[in-house]
Structure formats: structure tokens, C-alpha cells
């Protein structure tokens, strides 16, 4: 069960693309005070957690509702996630700063920056692939910890920017993109193998 926890935690944490999220968070809250940034970070964490748990726990019912097989969805989700990873590696996943001080916590920071189509697809596949109640509990705990880890990074975003600089964050974003592309390829080829087999 510990292996499952670590496996799910690391996959979900990487799929969240935390360093890209930090870059977007800093760009979109550049005119905010520290207190406003902290409040926004908490809102983002809450919105991400709510969205992820809804998708993770009820993905199977969504498949049944639309008559989609898990393997067909694996192929689609893997492809979308891979395209997102390629955009990050190439540095095309940039976010334009907002002109006005509007609430950016839920849209666009939580959705679609942190929880985009590729993330939703991957979470649905992971959730639907769990068979037993203990597995679902351990995986849900891992998801909760991954969401908290992203929230922790957002609360320390200003300090991380000073420590790493924009160039450092850009490098880490590209490295994260490489890991995400590998996860996407695994999801895609698992779906393809099962679909053809």
C-alpha cells in the first residue's frame, strides 16, 4: 500500500505541473499584496482539491454514462496530456498577466492551469483503475497530499521566485514536462495495448 501511495502521489504531483502553476500564479498575482496572494493560494488549493476528488472518485460513473471504455479514455487522455507536456517543454504554455485585480483563483489558476483536460483525463483513468476499497482510500489520501503539496508551493511562491528566479522556474517547468510526457505515454500505450489485445 505504501508503494501505491508513493506511486499515485508522485504521478499526480507531476501531472499538476507545479512549477508551471507557480509561474502562472506569480504572473497573475503580480499586483497582489502578500496577504492577497496567500488568500488566492488557499482558494486555488480548495478549488483544485474539490475538482480532483469529484473527477477521481466519480470517473467510473462518467464512463458508464457516456458508454466509454476505460482503455479508449486512456488513449484520449494520454494524447491530450502528452500535448500539454510538449507545450510546457517548448515553453508555449505561457500565461498573460491580468490587467485588473480580478479573482483568478478558480479560473484560470485552478481550472484549466492546474487541472486542465489532460489532468482530468489522467485522474479519471487512475480512479477508474482502482478496484478495492483500501486501494481507493490510499489513492485518495495520496491525491489529498498532492493537492496540499501544490498548495504549500503556492504559499511559498514568492520565496521560490527569489530563490530560483524566473529562469530557474522555467527550467523546472520543462523538466516537469518531460516527466509528464512519460506518464502520458504510459497511459496511452497501456490503453492501446489493452484495446488491441
N, C-alpha and C. Protein backbone atom coordinates (compact mmCIF):
# COMPACT_ATOMS: atom_id res chain seq x y z
N UNK A 1 0.83 -1.21 0.00
CA UNK A 1 0.00 0.00 0.00
C UNK A 1 0.86 1.27 0.00
N UNK A 2 2.03 1.19 0.66
CA UNK A 2 2.95 2.34 0.67
C UNK A 2 3.44 2.62 -0.74
N UNK A 3 3.71 1.55 -1.49
CA UNK A 3 4.15 1.71 -2.89
C UNK A 3 3.07 2.40 -3.71
N UNK A 4 1.82 1.98 -3.51
CA UNK A 4 0.69 2.60 -4.22
C UNK A 4 0.58 4.09 -3.86
N UNK A 5 0.71 4.40 -2.58
CA UNK A 5 0.63 5.79 -2.12
C UNK A 5 1.70 6.65 -2.80
N UNK A 6 2.95 6.18 -2.77
CA UNK A 6 4.07 6.94 -3.35
C UNK A 6 3.88 7.09 -4.86
N UNK A 7 3.47 5.99 -5.50
CA UNK A 7 3.27 5.98 -6.95
C UNK A 7 2.20 7.00 -7.37
N UNK A 8 1.05 6.95 -6.70
CA UNK A 8 -0.06 7.86 -7.03
C UNK A 8 0.31 9.30 -6.70
N UNK A 9 0.93 9.51 -5.54
CA UNK A 9 1.32 10.86 -5.13
C UNK A 9 2.25 11.51 -6.16
N UNK A 10 3.31 10.79 -6.54
CA UNK A 10 4.30 11.35 -7.47
C UNK A 10 3.69 11.61 -8.84
N UNK A 11 2.87 10.68 -9.32
CA UNK A 11 2.23 10.86 -10.63
C UNK A 11 1.33 12.08 -10.64
N UNK A 12 0.47 12.18 -9.63
CA UNK A 12 -0.48 13.30 -9.59
C UNK A 12 0.25 14.62 -9.37
N UNK A 13 1.25 14.62 -8.51
CA UNK A 13 2.01 15.84 -8.25
C UNK A 13 2.67 16.34 -9.54
N UNK A 14 3.24 15.44 -10.32
CA UNK A 14 3.87 15.83 -11.58
C UNK A 14 2.84 16.28 -12.61
N UNK A 15 1.70 15.57 -12.65
CA UNK A 15 0.64 15.93 -13.61
C UNK A 15 0.09 17.33 -13.33
N UNK A 16 0.12 17.74 -12.06
CA UNK A 16 -0.30 19.10 -11.70
C UNK A 16 0.64 20.16 -12.26
N UNK A 17 1.82 19.75 -12.73
CA UNK A 17 2.86 20.66 -13.25
C UNK A 17 3.09 21.85 -12.29
N UNK A 18 3.56 21.54 -11.06
CA UNK A 18 3.60 22.57 -10.02
C UNK A 18 4.44 23.81 -10.34
N UNK A 19 5.55 23.63 -11.07
CA UNK A 19 6.41 24.79 -11.32
C UNK A 19 5.82 25.70 -12.39
N UNK A 20 5.09 25.12 -13.33
CA UNK A 20 4.35 25.95 -14.28
C UNK A 20 3.23 26.70 -13.56
N UNK A 21 2.57 26.00 -12.64
CA UNK A 21 1.49 26.62 -11.86
C UNK A 21 2.04 27.80 -11.05
N UNK A 22 3.23 27.62 -10.45
CA UNK A 22 3.85 28.70 -9.68
C UNK A 22 4.13 29.91 -10.58
N UNK A 23 4.69 29.65 -11.77
CA UNK A 23 4.98 30.74 -12.72
C UNK A 23 3.70 31.50 -13.09
N UNK A 24 2.62 30.73 -13.37
CA UNK A 24 1.34 31.34 -13.72
C UNK A 24 0.78 32.12 -12.53
N UNK A 25 0.89 31.54 -11.34
CA UNK A 25 0.40 32.17 -10.11
C UNK A 25 1.11 33.51 -9.87
N UNK A 26 2.43 33.52 -10.04
CA UNK A 26 3.20 34.75 -9.84
C UNK A 26 2.83 35.81 -10.88
N UNK A 27 2.62 35.37 -12.13
CA UNK A 27 2.27 36.33 -13.20
C UNK A 27 0.89 36.93 -12.97
N UNK A 28 -0.06 36.08 -12.55
CA UNK A 28 -1.45 36.54 -12.41
C UNK A 28 -1.68 37.32 -11.11
N UNK A 29 -0.77 37.20 -10.15
CA UNK A 29 -0.95 37.90 -8.86
C UNK A 29 0.17 38.91 -8.61
N UNK A 30 0.77 39.39 -9.70
CA UNK A 30 1.94 40.28 -9.53
C UNK A 30 1.61 41.58 -8.81
N UNK A 31 0.35 42.04 -8.90
CA UNK A 31 -0.04 43.29 -8.24
C UNK A 31 -0.69 43.05 -6.88
N UNK A 32 -0.70 41.80 -6.42
CA UNK A 32 -1.33 41.47 -5.15
C UNK A 32 -0.38 41.70 -3.99
N UNK A 33 -0.95 42.00 -2.83
CA UNK A 33 -0.14 42.04 -1.60
C UNK A 33 0.12 40.60 -1.15
N UNK A 34 1.01 40.43 -0.17
CA UNK A 34 1.31 39.07 0.33
C UNK A 34 0.06 38.40 0.89
N UNK A 35 -0.76 39.18 1.62
CA UNK A 35 -1.98 38.63 2.21
C UNK A 35 -2.96 38.18 1.12
N UNK A 36 -3.08 38.99 0.07
CA UNK A 36 -3.98 38.64 -1.04
C UNK A 36 -3.48 37.40 -1.78
N UNK A 37 -2.16 37.31 -1.92
CA UNK A 37 -1.58 36.12 -2.57
C UNK A 37 -1.86 34.86 -1.75
N UNK A 38 -1.73 34.98 -0.44
CA UNK A 38 -1.99 33.83 0.44
C UNK A 38 -3.45 33.39 0.33
N UNK A 39 -4.36 34.35 0.33
CA UNK A 39 -5.79 34.03 0.22
C UNK A 39 -6.09 33.37 -1.13
N UNK A 40 -5.47 33.92 -2.18
CA UNK A 40 -5.67 33.34 -3.51
C UNK A 40 -5.13 31.92 -3.57
N UNK A 41 -3.96 31.70 -2.97
CA UNK A 41 -3.36 30.36 -2.93
C UNK A 41 -4.26 29.35 -2.24
N UNK A 42 -4.90 29.77 -1.13
CA UNK A 42 -5.82 28.88 -0.40
C UNK A 42 -7.04 28.56 -1.27
N UNK A 43 -7.57 29.58 -1.95
CA UNK A 43 -8.73 29.37 -2.85
C UNK A 43 -8.39 28.39 -3.97
N UNK A 44 -7.20 28.57 -4.56
CA UNK A 44 -6.76 27.68 -5.64
C UNK A 44 -6.67 26.24 -5.13
N UNK A 45 -6.06 26.06 -3.96
CA UNK A 45 -5.90 24.73 -3.37
C UNK A 45 -7.25 24.07 -3.14
N UNK A 46 -8.19 24.83 -2.59
CA UNK A 46 -9.53 24.30 -2.31
C UNK A 46 -10.24 23.91 -3.60
N UNK A 47 -10.18 24.79 -4.61
CA UNK A 47 -10.84 24.52 -5.89
C UNK A 47 -10.23 23.31 -6.60
N UNK A 48 -8.89 23.21 -6.55
CA UNK A 48 -8.20 22.07 -7.16
C UNK A 48 -8.61 20.76 -6.46
N UNK A 49 -8.62 20.78 -5.13
CA UNK A 49 -8.99 19.59 -4.36
C UNK A 49 -10.40 19.13 -4.68
N UNK A 50 -11.33 20.08 -4.70
CA UNK A 50 -12.74 19.76 -4.97
C UNK A 50 -12.92 19.15 -6.37
N UNK A 51 -12.29 19.78 -7.36
CA UNK A 51 -12.39 19.30 -8.74
C UNK A 51 -11.78 17.91 -8.90
N UNK A 52 -10.59 17.75 -8.33
CA UNK A 52 -9.86 16.49 -8.48
C UNK A 52 -10.59 15.32 -7.83
N UNK A 53 -11.12 15.53 -6.63
CA UNK A 53 -11.82 14.44 -5.95
C UNK A 53 -13.11 14.07 -6.68
N UNK A 54 -13.80 15.06 -7.22
CA UNK A 54 -15.02 14.77 -7.99
C UNK A 54 -14.70 13.90 -9.20
N UNK A 55 -13.64 14.25 -9.92
CA UNK A 55 -13.24 13.51 -11.12
C UNK A 55 -12.67 12.14 -10.75
N UNK A 56 -11.83 12.11 -9.73
CA UNK A 56 -11.12 10.90 -9.32
C UNK A 56 -12.08 9.83 -8.81
N UNK A 57 -13.06 10.24 -8.00
CA UNK A 57 -13.96 9.28 -7.37
C UNK A 57 -15.15 8.90 -8.23
N UNK A 58 -15.57 9.79 -9.13
CA UNK A 58 -16.78 9.53 -9.90
C UNK A 58 -16.52 9.33 -11.39
N UNK A 59 -15.25 9.17 -11.76
CA UNK A 59 -14.90 8.96 -13.17
C UNK A 59 -15.56 7.73 -13.77
N UNK A 60 -15.65 6.65 -12.98
CA UNK A 60 -16.25 5.40 -13.46
C UNK A 60 -17.70 5.62 -13.89
N UNK A 61 -18.44 6.39 -13.11
CA UNK A 61 -19.85 6.66 -13.43
C UNK A 61 -19.98 7.49 -14.70
N UNK A 62 -19.00 8.39 -14.91
CA UNK A 62 -18.99 9.21 -16.13
C UNK A 62 -18.76 8.32 -17.35
N UNK A 63 -17.82 7.34 -17.21
CA UNK A 63 -17.59 6.38 -18.30
C UNK A 63 -18.87 5.62 -18.63
N UNK A 64 -19.54 5.13 -17.59
CA UNK A 64 -20.77 4.36 -17.78
C UNK A 64 -21.86 5.20 -18.44
N UNK A 65 -21.95 6.46 -18.00
CA UNK A 65 -22.98 7.36 -18.51
C UNK A 65 -22.85 7.57 -20.02
N UNK A 66 -21.61 7.75 -20.47
CA UNK A 66 -21.38 8.03 -21.89
C UNK A 66 -21.02 6.78 -22.70
N UNK A 67 -20.94 5.63 -22.02
CA UNK A 67 -20.62 4.38 -22.71
C UNK A 67 -19.20 4.33 -23.24
N UNK A 68 -18.26 4.96 -22.51
CA UNK A 68 -16.86 4.99 -22.92
C UNK A 68 -16.10 3.91 -22.16
N UNK A 69 -15.26 3.15 -22.87
CA UNK A 69 -14.44 2.15 -22.18
C UNK A 69 -13.23 2.84 -21.55
N UNK A 70 -12.69 2.22 -20.51
CA UNK A 70 -11.54 2.79 -19.82
C UNK A 70 -10.34 2.89 -20.75
N UNK A 71 -10.13 1.88 -21.58
CA UNK A 71 -8.96 1.89 -22.47
C UNK A 71 -9.07 2.95 -23.56
N UNK A 72 -10.28 3.17 -24.08
CA UNK A 72 -10.48 4.23 -25.07
C UNK A 72 -10.17 5.59 -24.44
N UNK A 73 -10.59 5.76 -23.19
CA UNK A 73 -10.33 7.02 -22.49
C UNK A 73 -8.84 7.17 -22.18
N UNK A 74 -8.18 6.05 -21.87
CA UNK A 74 -6.73 6.08 -21.63
C UNK A 74 -6.00 6.63 -22.86
N UNK A 75 -6.41 6.17 -24.03
CA UNK A 75 -5.76 6.62 -25.28
C UNK A 75 -5.99 8.13 -25.47
N UNK A 76 -7.22 8.58 -25.29
CA UNK A 76 -7.54 10.01 -25.45
C UNK A 76 -6.85 10.87 -24.41
N UNK A 77 -6.93 10.45 -23.14
CA UNK A 77 -6.33 11.22 -22.05
C UNK A 77 -4.81 11.28 -22.19
N UNK A 78 -4.21 10.16 -22.58
CA UNK A 78 -2.75 10.12 -22.77
C UNK A 78 -2.31 11.08 -23.86
N UNK A 79 -3.09 11.12 -24.96
CA UNK A 79 -2.75 12.01 -26.08
C UNK A 79 -2.85 13.49 -25.66
N UNK A 80 -3.94 13.84 -24.96
CA UNK A 80 -4.13 15.24 -24.53
C UNK A 80 -3.05 15.65 -23.53
N UNK A 81 -2.76 14.75 -22.58
CA UNK A 81 -1.73 15.03 -21.57
C UNK A 81 -0.36 15.19 -22.23
N UNK A 82 -0.10 14.37 -23.24
CA UNK A 82 1.18 14.45 -23.95
C UNK A 82 1.32 15.80 -24.66
N UNK A 83 0.25 16.27 -25.28
CA UNK A 83 0.29 17.57 -25.97
C UNK A 83 0.55 18.71 -24.97
N UNK A 84 -0.06 18.60 -23.78
CA UNK A 84 0.19 19.60 -22.73
C UNK A 84 1.65 19.59 -22.31
N UNK A 85 2.21 18.38 -22.19
CA UNK A 85 3.61 18.24 -21.78
C UNK A 85 4.55 18.83 -22.82
N UNK A 86 4.25 18.58 -24.10
CA UNK A 86 5.07 19.13 -25.20
C UNK A 86 5.04 20.66 -25.18
N UNK A 87 3.85 21.23 -24.94
CA UNK A 87 3.72 22.69 -24.86
C UNK A 87 4.58 23.26 -23.74
N UNK A 88 4.63 22.55 -22.60
CA UNK A 88 5.46 23.01 -21.48
C UNK A 88 6.95 22.93 -21.81
N UNK A 89 7.34 21.83 -22.44
CA UNK A 89 8.76 21.63 -22.78
C UNK A 89 9.21 22.70 -23.77
N UNK A 90 8.33 23.06 -24.71
CA UNK A 90 8.68 24.06 -25.72
C UNK A 90 8.50 25.49 -25.22
N UNK A 91 7.97 25.63 -23.99
CA UNK A 91 7.80 26.96 -23.42
C UNK A 91 6.63 27.72 -23.99
N UNK A 92 5.65 27.00 -24.57
CA UNK A 92 4.48 27.67 -25.17
C UNK A 92 3.31 27.79 -24.21
N UNK A 93 3.45 27.21 -23.01
CA UNK A 93 2.33 27.23 -22.06
C UNK A 93 2.42 28.46 -21.18
N UNK A 94 2.55 29.61 -21.80
CA UNK A 94 2.69 30.86 -21.05
C UNK A 94 1.32 31.42 -20.71
N UNK A 95 1.29 32.24 -19.66
CA UNK A 95 0.03 32.86 -19.21
C UNK A 95 0.20 34.37 -19.20
N UNK A 96 -0.72 35.04 -19.83
CA UNK A 96 -0.67 36.51 -19.86
C UNK A 96 -1.16 37.06 -18.53
N UNK A 97 -0.42 38.03 -17.95
CA UNK A 97 -0.88 38.63 -16.70
C UNK A 97 -2.20 39.35 -16.88
N UNK A 98 -3.00 39.38 -15.82
CA UNK A 98 -4.29 40.08 -15.87
C UNK A 98 -4.05 41.57 -15.66
N UNK A 99 -4.84 42.38 -16.36
CA UNK A 99 -4.71 43.84 -16.21
C UNK A 99 -5.36 44.31 -14.91
N UNK A 100 -6.54 43.76 -14.64
CA UNK A 100 -7.27 44.19 -13.45
C UNK A 100 -7.09 43.21 -12.33
N UNK A 101 -7.36 43.69 -11.11
CA UNK A 101 -7.23 42.82 -9.93
C UNK A 101 -8.50 41.99 -9.79
N UNK A 102 -8.70 41.06 -10.67
CA UNK A 102 -9.88 40.21 -10.59
C UNK A 102 -9.52 38.91 -9.89
N UNK A 103 -10.54 38.19 -9.47
CA UNK A 103 -10.32 36.92 -8.78
C UNK A 103 -9.92 35.87 -9.81
N UNK A 104 -8.67 35.44 -9.73
CA UNK A 104 -8.14 34.48 -10.71
C UNK A 104 -7.96 33.10 -10.10
N UNK A 105 -8.46 32.90 -8.88
CA UNK A 105 -8.19 31.65 -8.15
C UNK A 105 -8.80 30.43 -8.83
N UNK A 106 -10.10 30.49 -9.11
CA UNK A 106 -10.76 29.32 -9.70
C UNK A 106 -10.48 29.24 -11.20
N UNK A 107 -10.75 30.33 -11.91
CA UNK A 107 -10.45 30.44 -13.34
C UNK A 107 -9.55 31.65 -13.54
N UNK A 108 -8.36 31.51 -14.07
CA UNK A 108 -7.82 30.33 -14.73
C UNK A 108 -6.87 29.49 -13.89
N UNK A 109 -6.54 29.89 -12.64
CA UNK A 109 -5.48 29.19 -11.91
C UNK A 109 -5.82 27.74 -11.57
N UNK A 110 -6.99 27.51 -10.96
CA UNK A 110 -7.35 26.13 -10.61
C UNK A 110 -7.72 25.35 -11.88
N UNK A 111 -8.61 25.94 -12.67
CA UNK A 111 -9.04 25.34 -13.94
C UNK A 111 -8.90 26.41 -15.02
N UNK A 112 -8.15 26.24 -16.08
CA UNK A 112 -7.53 25.00 -16.54
C UNK A 112 -6.03 24.89 -16.29
N UNK A 113 -5.41 25.85 -15.56
CA UNK A 113 -3.95 25.82 -15.44
C UNK A 113 -3.47 24.62 -14.61
N UNK A 114 -4.03 24.46 -13.40
CA UNK A 114 -3.60 23.33 -12.56
C UNK A 114 -4.32 22.05 -12.97
N UNK A 115 -5.62 22.14 -13.15
CA UNK A 115 -6.41 20.96 -13.53
C UNK A 115 -6.96 21.20 -14.94
N UNK A 116 -6.14 20.86 -15.94
CA UNK A 116 -6.54 21.01 -17.33
C UNK A 116 -7.16 19.72 -17.86
N UNK A 117 -7.48 19.69 -19.16
CA UNK A 117 -8.08 18.49 -19.74
C UNK A 117 -7.23 17.24 -19.57
N UNK A 118 -5.91 17.38 -19.75
CA UNK A 118 -5.02 16.23 -19.59
C UNK A 118 -5.01 15.71 -18.17
N UNK A 119 -5.00 16.62 -17.20
CA UNK A 119 -5.02 16.24 -15.78
C UNK A 119 -6.33 15.54 -15.43
N UNK A 120 -7.44 16.09 -15.91
CA UNK A 120 -8.75 15.48 -15.66
C UNK A 120 -8.80 14.07 -16.23
N UNK A 121 -8.31 13.92 -17.46
CA UNK A 121 -8.29 12.60 -18.09
C UNK A 121 -7.46 11.60 -17.31
N UNK A 122 -6.26 12.03 -16.89
CA UNK A 122 -5.36 11.14 -16.14
C UNK A 122 -5.98 10.74 -14.80
N UNK A 123 -6.62 11.69 -14.12
CA UNK A 123 -7.25 11.40 -12.83
C UNK A 123 -8.42 10.43 -12.99
N UNK A 124 -9.20 10.60 -14.04
CA UNK A 124 -10.32 9.69 -14.29
C UNK A 124 -9.82 8.27 -14.56
N UNK A 125 -8.74 8.17 -15.33
CA UNK A 125 -8.16 6.86 -15.64
C UNK A 125 -7.62 6.20 -14.37
N UNK A 126 -6.89 6.97 -13.56
CA UNK A 126 -6.34 6.43 -12.31
C UNK A 126 -7.44 5.96 -11.38
N UNK A 127 -8.45 6.82 -11.19
CA UNK A 127 -9.55 6.49 -10.29
C UNK A 127 -10.32 5.26 -10.74
N UNK A 128 -10.58 5.17 -12.06
CA UNK A 128 -11.35 4.03 -12.59
C UNK A 128 -10.55 2.74 -12.54
N UNK A 129 -9.21 2.84 -12.52
CA UNK A 129 -8.37 1.65 -12.49
C UNK A 129 -8.24 1.01 -11.12
N UNK A 130 -8.71 1.68 -10.07
CA UNK A 130 -8.62 1.14 -8.70
C UNK A 130 -9.80 0.21 -8.44
N UNK A 131 -9.51 -0.98 -7.93
CA UNK A 131 -10.55 -2.00 -7.78
C UNK A 131 -11.12 -2.09 -6.37
N UNK A 132 -10.25 -2.13 -5.36
CA UNK A 132 -10.71 -2.40 -3.99
C UNK A 132 -10.85 -1.11 -3.18
N UNK A 133 -11.63 -1.20 -2.10
CA UNK A 133 -11.83 -0.03 -1.22
C UNK A 133 -10.52 0.45 -0.58
N UNK A 134 -9.65 -0.47 -0.06
CA UNK A 134 -8.38 0.00 0.50
C UNK A 134 -7.52 0.75 -0.51
N UNK A 135 -7.52 0.28 -1.76
CA UNK A 135 -6.75 0.96 -2.81
C UNK A 135 -7.29 2.37 -3.04
N UNK A 136 -8.61 2.49 -3.06
CA UNK A 136 -9.24 3.80 -3.28
C UNK A 136 -8.94 4.76 -2.13
N UNK A 137 -8.92 4.24 -0.91
CA UNK A 137 -8.64 5.08 0.27
C UNK A 137 -7.19 5.58 0.23
N UNK A 138 -6.26 4.65 -0.05
CA UNK A 138 -4.83 5.02 -0.11
C UNK A 138 -4.58 6.02 -1.24
N UNK A 139 -5.19 5.76 -2.41
CA UNK A 139 -5.01 6.66 -3.55
C UNK A 139 -5.63 8.03 -3.28
N UNK A 140 -6.78 8.06 -2.61
CA UNK A 140 -7.43 9.33 -2.26
C UNK A 140 -6.56 10.13 -1.29
N UNK A 141 -5.93 9.43 -0.35
CA UNK A 141 -5.01 10.09 0.59
C UNK A 141 -3.81 10.66 -0.15
N UNK A 142 -3.30 9.91 -1.13
CA UNK A 142 -2.17 10.38 -1.94
C UNK A 142 -2.57 11.62 -2.74
N UNK A 143 -3.78 11.60 -3.30
CA UNK A 143 -4.29 12.76 -4.04
C UNK A 143 -4.41 13.97 -3.13
N UNK A 144 -4.94 13.76 -1.94
CA UNK A 144 -5.08 14.84 -0.96
C UNK A 144 -3.71 15.45 -0.63
N UNK A 145 -2.70 14.59 -0.42
CA UNK A 145 -1.35 15.08 -0.11
C UNK A 145 -0.74 15.83 -1.29
N UNK A 146 -1.02 15.36 -2.52
CA UNK A 146 -0.51 16.05 -3.71
C UNK A 146 -1.12 17.45 -3.84
N UNK A 147 -2.42 17.55 -3.56
CA UNK A 147 -3.10 18.86 -3.60
C UNK A 147 -2.50 19.78 -2.53
N UNK A 148 -2.29 19.24 -1.33
CA UNK A 148 -1.69 20.04 -0.25
C UNK A 148 -0.27 20.48 -0.60
N UNK A 149 0.48 19.60 -1.27
CA UNK A 149 1.86 19.94 -1.67
C UNK A 149 1.86 21.11 -2.65
N UNK A 150 0.94 21.09 -3.60
CA UNK A 150 0.82 22.20 -4.56
C UNK A 150 0.41 23.48 -3.82
N UNK A 151 -0.53 23.35 -2.87
CA UNK A 151 -0.94 24.50 -2.06
C UNK A 151 0.22 25.07 -1.26
N UNK A 152 1.06 24.18 -0.73
CA UNK A 152 2.25 24.62 0.02
C UNK A 152 3.22 25.38 -0.87
N UNK A 153 3.40 24.89 -2.09
CA UNK A 153 4.30 25.58 -3.03
C UNK A 153 3.75 26.95 -3.42
N UNK A 154 2.43 27.05 -3.57
CA UNK A 154 1.81 28.35 -3.90
C UNK A 154 2.01 29.35 -2.76
N UNK A 155 1.89 28.86 -1.52
CA UNK A 155 2.07 29.76 -0.37
C UNK A 155 3.52 30.25 -0.27
N UNK A 156 4.46 29.46 -0.84
CA UNK A 156 5.88 29.86 -0.81
C UNK A 156 6.35 30.37 -2.17
N UNK A 157 5.40 30.72 -3.06
CA UNK A 157 5.74 31.09 -4.43
C UNK A 157 6.70 32.28 -4.50
N UNK A 158 6.45 33.29 -3.68
CA UNK A 158 7.31 34.48 -3.68
C UNK A 158 8.74 34.14 -3.30
N UNK A 159 8.88 33.32 -2.26
CA UNK A 159 10.23 32.92 -1.81
C UNK A 159 10.92 32.05 -2.86
N UNK A 160 10.15 31.17 -3.51
CA UNK A 160 10.73 30.32 -4.56
C UNK A 160 11.20 31.15 -5.75
N UNK A 161 10.43 32.19 -6.07
CA UNK A 161 10.83 33.07 -7.19
C UNK A 161 12.15 33.77 -6.87
N UNK A 162 12.28 34.24 -5.63
CA UNK A 162 13.53 34.91 -5.24
C UNK A 162 14.70 33.92 -5.23
N UNK A 163 14.42 32.69 -4.82
CA UNK A 163 15.47 31.67 -4.72
C UNK A 163 15.90 31.15 -6.09
N UNK A 164 14.93 30.84 -6.94
CA UNK A 164 15.22 30.20 -8.23
C UNK A 164 15.28 31.19 -9.39
N UNK A 165 14.54 32.29 -9.29
CA UNK A 165 14.43 33.23 -10.40
C UNK A 165 13.50 32.68 -11.48
N UNK A 166 13.10 33.54 -12.40
CA UNK A 166 12.20 33.12 -13.48
C UNK A 166 12.84 32.06 -14.36
N UNK A 167 14.16 32.19 -14.57
CA UNK A 167 14.87 31.21 -15.42
C UNK A 167 14.87 29.84 -14.76
N UNK A 168 15.09 29.82 -13.46
CA UNK A 168 15.08 28.54 -12.72
C UNK A 168 13.71 27.88 -12.77
N UNK A 169 12.65 28.67 -12.61
CA UNK A 169 11.29 28.13 -12.69
C UNK A 169 11.00 27.60 -14.09
N UNK A 170 11.50 28.30 -15.11
CA UNK A 170 11.29 27.86 -16.50
C UNK A 170 11.97 26.52 -16.75
N UNK A 171 13.18 26.35 -16.21
CA UNK A 171 13.91 25.08 -16.37
C UNK A 171 13.17 23.95 -15.68
N UNK A 172 12.69 24.21 -14.44
CA UNK A 172 11.96 23.18 -13.69
C UNK A 172 10.64 22.83 -14.38
N UNK A 173 10.00 23.83 -15.00
CA UNK A 173 8.77 23.58 -15.75
C UNK A 173 9.03 22.63 -16.91
N UNK A 174 10.14 22.84 -17.62
CA UNK A 174 10.48 21.97 -18.76
C UNK A 174 10.82 20.56 -18.29
N UNK A 175 11.53 20.45 -17.17
CA UNK A 175 11.84 19.13 -16.62
C UNK A 175 10.56 18.39 -16.21
N UNK A 176 9.64 19.14 -15.58
CA UNK A 176 8.34 18.56 -15.22
C UNK A 176 7.61 18.08 -16.46
N UNK A 177 7.69 18.87 -17.54
CA UNK A 177 7.08 18.49 -18.80
C UNK A 177 7.59 17.16 -19.33
N UNK A 178 8.88 16.90 -19.14
CA UNK A 178 9.46 15.62 -19.57
C UNK A 178 8.85 14.46 -18.79
N UNK A 179 8.73 14.62 -17.47
CA UNK A 179 8.12 13.57 -16.64
C UNK A 179 6.66 13.35 -17.03
N UNK A 180 5.94 14.45 -17.25
CA UNK A 180 4.52 14.36 -17.62
C UNK A 180 4.37 13.65 -18.96
N UNK A 181 5.28 13.93 -19.91
CA UNK A 181 5.20 13.27 -21.22
C UNK A 181 5.40 11.77 -21.08
N UNK A 182 6.28 11.35 -20.15
CA UNK A 182 6.50 9.92 -19.92
C UNK A 182 5.25 9.28 -19.31
N UNK A 183 4.61 9.97 -18.36
CA UNK A 183 3.37 9.46 -17.75
C UNK A 183 2.28 9.35 -18.81
N UNK A 184 2.19 10.38 -19.67
CA UNK A 184 1.19 10.40 -20.73
C UNK A 184 1.40 9.23 -21.70
N UNK A 185 2.66 8.99 -22.06
CA UNK A 185 2.97 7.89 -22.97
C UNK A 185 2.59 6.55 -22.35
N UNK A 186 2.84 6.41 -21.05
CA UNK A 186 2.48 5.16 -20.35
C UNK A 186 0.97 4.94 -20.36
N UNK A 187 0.22 6.00 -20.08
CA UNK A 187 -1.25 5.91 -20.09
C UNK A 187 -1.75 5.54 -21.50
N UNK A 188 -1.18 6.21 -22.51
CA UNK A 188 -1.59 5.99 -23.90
C UNK A 188 -1.31 4.56 -24.34
N UNK A 189 -0.08 4.09 -24.10
CA UNK A 189 0.30 2.76 -24.59
C UNK A 189 -0.37 1.63 -23.80
N UNK A 190 -0.67 1.87 -22.52
CA UNK A 190 -1.44 0.89 -21.76
C UNK A 190 -2.84 0.73 -22.37
N UNK A 191 -3.47 1.87 -22.67
CA UNK A 191 -4.78 1.86 -23.31
C UNK A 191 -4.76 1.19 -24.66
N UNK A 192 -3.74 1.50 -25.46
CA UNK A 192 -3.61 0.94 -26.82
C UNK A 192 -3.40 -0.56 -26.76
N UNK A 193 -2.51 -0.99 -25.85
CA UNK A 193 -2.23 -2.42 -25.70
C UNK A 193 -3.48 -3.20 -25.31
N UNK A 194 -4.22 -2.69 -24.34
CA UNK A 194 -5.44 -3.36 -23.89
C UNK A 194 -6.53 -3.32 -24.96
N UNK A 195 -6.57 -2.19 -25.68
CA UNK A 195 -7.60 -2.02 -26.72
C UNK A 195 -7.39 -3.00 -27.87
N UNK A 196 -6.11 -3.18 -28.25
CA UNK A 196 -5.78 -4.07 -29.36
C UNK A 196 -5.73 -5.53 -28.94
N UNK A 197 -5.43 -5.73 -27.61
CA UNK A 197 -5.32 -7.11 -27.10
C UNK A 197 -6.65 -7.72 -26.85
